[in-house]
Every structure is written in C-alpha cells, then in structure tokens.
N, C-alpha and C. Protein backbone atom coordinates (compact mmCIF):
# COMPACT_ATOMS: atom_id res chain seq x y z
N MET A 1 39.82 86.39 -47.12
CA MET A 1 39.43 85.00 -47.09
C MET A 1 39.73 84.45 -45.70
N ASN A 2 38.70 84.10 -44.97
CA ASN A 2 38.84 83.61 -43.61
C ASN A 2 38.91 82.08 -43.61
N LYS A 3 40.01 81.54 -43.20
CA LYS A 3 40.19 80.09 -43.18
C LYS A 3 39.98 79.56 -41.77
N THR A 4 39.42 78.36 -41.70
CA THR A 4 39.13 77.75 -40.41
C THR A 4 40.22 76.76 -40.04
N ARG A 5 40.14 76.29 -38.81
CA ARG A 5 41.07 75.28 -38.34
C ARG A 5 40.94 74.01 -39.18
N PHE A 6 39.71 73.70 -39.60
CA PHE A 6 39.48 72.53 -40.44
C PHE A 6 40.24 72.63 -41.76
N ASP A 7 40.25 73.82 -42.38
CA ASP A 7 40.99 74.02 -43.64
C ASP A 7 42.48 73.76 -43.43
N LEU A 8 43.00 74.24 -42.32
CA LEU A 8 44.42 74.05 -42.02
C LEU A 8 44.73 72.57 -41.78
N GLU A 9 43.90 71.90 -41.01
CA GLU A 9 44.11 70.47 -40.74
C GLU A 9 44.01 69.64 -42.02
N GLN A 10 43.09 70.01 -42.89
CA GLN A 10 42.93 69.29 -44.16
C GLN A 10 44.18 69.45 -45.02
N ALA A 11 44.76 70.65 -45.05
CA ALA A 11 45.98 70.88 -45.84
C ALA A 11 47.15 70.09 -45.26
N ILE A 12 47.20 69.97 -43.94
CA ILE A 12 48.27 69.17 -43.32
C ILE A 12 48.13 67.71 -43.74
N MET A 13 46.92 67.19 -43.71
CA MET A 13 46.70 65.80 -44.10
C MET A 13 46.99 65.57 -45.59
N GLN A 14 46.71 66.56 -46.42
CA GLN A 14 47.02 66.43 -47.85
C GLN A 14 48.52 66.33 -48.08
N CYS A 15 49.31 67.03 -47.27
CA CYS A 15 50.77 66.92 -47.40
C CYS A 15 51.22 65.50 -47.09
N TRP A 16 50.57 64.86 -46.14
CA TRP A 16 50.93 63.49 -45.80
C TRP A 16 50.58 62.51 -46.92
N SER A 17 49.66 62.89 -47.79
CA SER A 17 49.28 61.96 -48.87
C SER A 17 50.42 61.72 -49.85
N THR A 18 51.44 62.55 -49.81
CA THR A 18 52.62 62.32 -50.65
C THR A 18 53.26 60.98 -50.29
N CYS A 19 53.20 60.60 -49.02
CA CYS A 19 53.73 59.29 -48.61
C CYS A 19 52.97 58.17 -49.31
N ASP A 20 51.64 58.32 -49.39
CA ASP A 20 50.83 57.32 -50.09
C ASP A 20 51.19 57.28 -51.57
N ASP A 21 51.42 58.45 -52.16
CA ASP A 21 51.80 58.52 -53.57
C ASP A 21 53.12 57.80 -53.82
N LEU A 22 54.08 58.00 -52.92
CA LEU A 22 55.39 57.35 -53.06
C LEU A 22 55.28 55.82 -52.91
N MET A 23 54.43 55.37 -51.99
CA MET A 23 54.24 53.93 -51.82
C MET A 23 53.58 53.32 -53.06
N LEU A 24 52.62 54.02 -53.64
CA LEU A 24 51.98 53.55 -54.87
C LEU A 24 53.01 53.43 -55.99
N PHE A 25 53.86 54.43 -56.10
CA PHE A 25 54.91 54.39 -57.12
C PHE A 25 55.86 53.21 -56.88
N ALA A 26 56.28 53.02 -55.63
CA ALA A 26 57.21 51.93 -55.31
C ALA A 26 56.58 50.57 -55.65
N GLN A 27 55.32 50.41 -55.32
CA GLN A 27 54.63 49.15 -55.63
C GLN A 27 54.52 48.95 -57.14
N ALA A 28 54.17 50.02 -57.85
CA ALA A 28 54.05 49.93 -59.30
C ALA A 28 55.40 49.60 -59.93
N TYR A 29 56.45 50.21 -59.43
CA TYR A 29 57.79 49.99 -59.97
C TYR A 29 58.20 48.53 -59.79
N GLN A 30 57.86 47.96 -58.64
CA GLN A 30 58.27 46.59 -58.35
C GLN A 30 57.36 45.54 -58.98
N ASP A 31 56.05 45.83 -59.04
CA ASP A 31 55.09 44.79 -59.39
C ASP A 31 54.64 44.74 -60.85
N TYR A 32 54.79 45.83 -61.57
CA TYR A 32 54.30 45.83 -62.95
C TYR A 32 55.12 44.89 -63.81
N GLU A 33 54.44 44.16 -64.66
CA GLU A 33 55.14 43.25 -65.56
C GLU A 33 56.00 44.00 -66.55
N GLU A 34 55.49 45.12 -67.01
CA GLU A 34 56.23 45.95 -67.96
C GLU A 34 57.17 46.86 -67.17
N GLU A 35 58.47 46.76 -67.45
CA GLU A 35 59.44 47.57 -66.71
C GLU A 35 59.31 49.04 -67.07
N MET A 36 59.57 49.88 -66.08
CA MET A 36 59.57 51.33 -66.31
C MET A 36 60.94 51.74 -66.83
N THR A 37 60.96 52.65 -67.77
CA THR A 37 62.23 53.16 -68.26
C THR A 37 62.79 54.16 -67.25
N GLU A 38 64.04 54.53 -67.43
CA GLU A 38 64.65 55.54 -66.57
C GLU A 38 63.89 56.86 -66.68
N ASP A 39 63.43 57.18 -67.88
CA ASP A 39 62.65 58.40 -68.08
C ASP A 39 61.32 58.33 -67.32
N ASP A 40 60.67 57.18 -67.35
CA ASP A 40 59.42 57.01 -66.61
C ASP A 40 59.63 57.23 -65.11
N VAL A 41 60.69 56.63 -64.60
CA VAL A 41 61.00 56.77 -63.17
C VAL A 41 61.31 58.22 -62.84
N ALA A 42 62.16 58.85 -63.63
CA ALA A 42 62.55 60.24 -63.38
C ALA A 42 61.35 61.18 -63.47
N ASN A 43 60.51 60.97 -64.48
CA ASN A 43 59.33 61.83 -64.63
C ASN A 43 58.35 61.66 -63.47
N THR A 44 58.18 60.43 -63.02
CA THR A 44 57.27 60.17 -61.90
C THR A 44 57.79 60.84 -60.63
N ILE A 45 59.07 60.67 -60.35
CA ILE A 45 59.65 61.27 -59.15
C ILE A 45 59.60 62.79 -59.23
N LEU A 46 59.92 63.35 -60.37
CA LEU A 46 59.85 64.80 -60.54
C LEU A 46 58.42 65.31 -60.38
N GLY A 47 57.46 64.58 -60.93
CA GLY A 47 56.06 64.96 -60.78
C GLY A 47 55.62 64.94 -59.33
N LEU A 48 56.01 63.89 -58.60
CA LEU A 48 55.69 63.81 -57.18
C LEU A 48 56.34 64.96 -56.39
N HIS A 49 57.54 65.31 -56.79
CA HIS A 49 58.23 66.44 -56.15
C HIS A 49 57.42 67.73 -56.31
N TYR A 50 56.97 68.01 -57.52
CA TYR A 50 56.22 69.23 -57.77
C TYR A 50 54.86 69.22 -57.06
N ILE A 51 54.20 68.07 -57.04
CA ILE A 51 52.92 67.95 -56.33
C ILE A 51 53.12 68.23 -54.84
N HIS A 52 54.16 67.63 -54.26
CA HIS A 52 54.44 67.84 -52.83
C HIS A 52 54.77 69.31 -52.55
N GLU A 53 55.54 69.92 -53.43
CA GLU A 53 55.89 71.33 -53.27
C GLU A 53 54.63 72.21 -53.30
N MET A 54 53.70 71.91 -54.21
CA MET A 54 52.46 72.68 -54.28
C MET A 54 51.62 72.49 -53.01
N ARG A 55 51.57 71.26 -52.52
CA ARG A 55 50.82 71.01 -51.28
C ARG A 55 51.42 71.79 -50.12
N CYS A 56 52.74 71.81 -50.03
CA CYS A 56 53.40 72.53 -48.94
C CYS A 56 53.20 74.04 -49.05
N LYS A 57 53.23 74.57 -50.26
CA LYS A 57 52.98 76.01 -50.44
C LYS A 57 51.55 76.36 -50.04
N LYS A 58 50.60 75.49 -50.40
CA LYS A 58 49.20 75.71 -50.00
C LYS A 58 49.08 75.68 -48.48
N LEU A 59 49.75 74.73 -47.85
CA LEU A 59 49.72 74.62 -46.40
C LEU A 59 50.31 75.88 -45.76
N LEU A 60 51.42 76.36 -46.26
CA LEU A 60 52.04 77.56 -45.72
C LEU A 60 51.11 78.77 -45.86
N GLU A 61 50.46 78.89 -47.01
CA GLU A 61 49.53 80.02 -47.21
C GLU A 61 48.33 79.93 -46.27
N LEU A 62 47.79 78.73 -46.09
CA LEU A 62 46.69 78.56 -45.14
C LEU A 62 47.13 78.88 -43.73
N HIS A 63 48.34 78.49 -43.37
CA HIS A 63 48.90 78.80 -42.05
C HIS A 63 48.98 80.31 -41.86
N ARG A 64 49.46 81.01 -42.86
CA ARG A 64 49.55 82.47 -42.79
C ARG A 64 48.17 83.11 -42.63
N GLN A 65 47.20 82.60 -43.39
CA GLN A 65 45.85 83.14 -43.30
C GLN A 65 45.20 82.84 -41.96
N PHE A 66 45.35 81.61 -41.48
CA PHE A 66 44.72 81.20 -40.24
C PHE A 66 45.26 82.00 -39.05
N PHE A 67 46.57 82.19 -39.02
CA PHE A 67 47.18 82.91 -37.90
C PHE A 67 47.36 84.40 -38.21
N GLU A 68 46.79 84.83 -39.33
CA GLU A 68 46.81 86.23 -39.75
C GLU A 68 48.23 86.81 -39.72
N ILE A 69 49.12 86.09 -40.36
CA ILE A 69 50.52 86.51 -40.45
C ILE A 69 50.68 87.40 -41.68
N ASP A 70 51.22 88.58 -41.47
CA ASP A 70 51.42 89.54 -42.55
C ASP A 70 52.90 89.51 -42.95
N ASN A 71 53.19 89.06 -44.16
CA ASN A 71 54.57 88.94 -44.61
C ASN A 71 55.25 90.29 -44.76
N TYR A 72 54.47 91.33 -44.89
CA TYR A 72 55.05 92.64 -45.17
C TYR A 72 55.27 93.47 -43.91
N ARG A 73 54.79 92.99 -42.79
CA ARG A 73 54.97 93.71 -41.54
C ARG A 73 56.41 93.50 -41.06
N LYS A 74 57.03 94.57 -40.66
CA LYS A 74 58.41 94.46 -40.19
C LYS A 74 58.40 94.05 -38.72
N SER A 75 59.28 93.12 -38.38
CA SER A 75 59.35 92.68 -36.98
C SER A 75 60.09 93.74 -36.17
N LYS A 76 59.73 93.78 -34.89
CA LYS A 76 60.33 94.80 -33.99
C LYS A 76 61.62 94.32 -33.40
C-alpha cells in the first residue's frame, strides 16, 4: 500500500481534531441545561482518549508506510 504525502498530512490534521472534540465537550459540559453525571463525563473523556489513541496509531502507521520504515529490520 503506497501512501502519499497528502495521506500523511491528512492523518496529522485528524489528530488535531481531538482539540476540537475536547472544546465541544467543554462547551457542552458548561452550557447544557441538563447536568452531566460523573459517569457521563468519565465516559466522554474515556471515549475521546480512545479516539485520539486510534488517530495517533493511524498516523504512526502512515508515517511508517510513507517513509518505508521496516519495524523488523535490525539497526546497525
């Protein structure tokens, strides 16, 4: 699978979207008339954590593919 520079740049920008997700959560937490329970807050934060982790793993894999990095090659 040959990845382009555009694919790599797109994955980098997707990682930054976690900041937008966190701002949306903060606004919702502050502005909603109905208060969020501790479970709601914890579940939202945990969900954002997993989404960010998946985005970063995708970015790392695209980086490896773009620069043709072989994880199994032993360094000299």
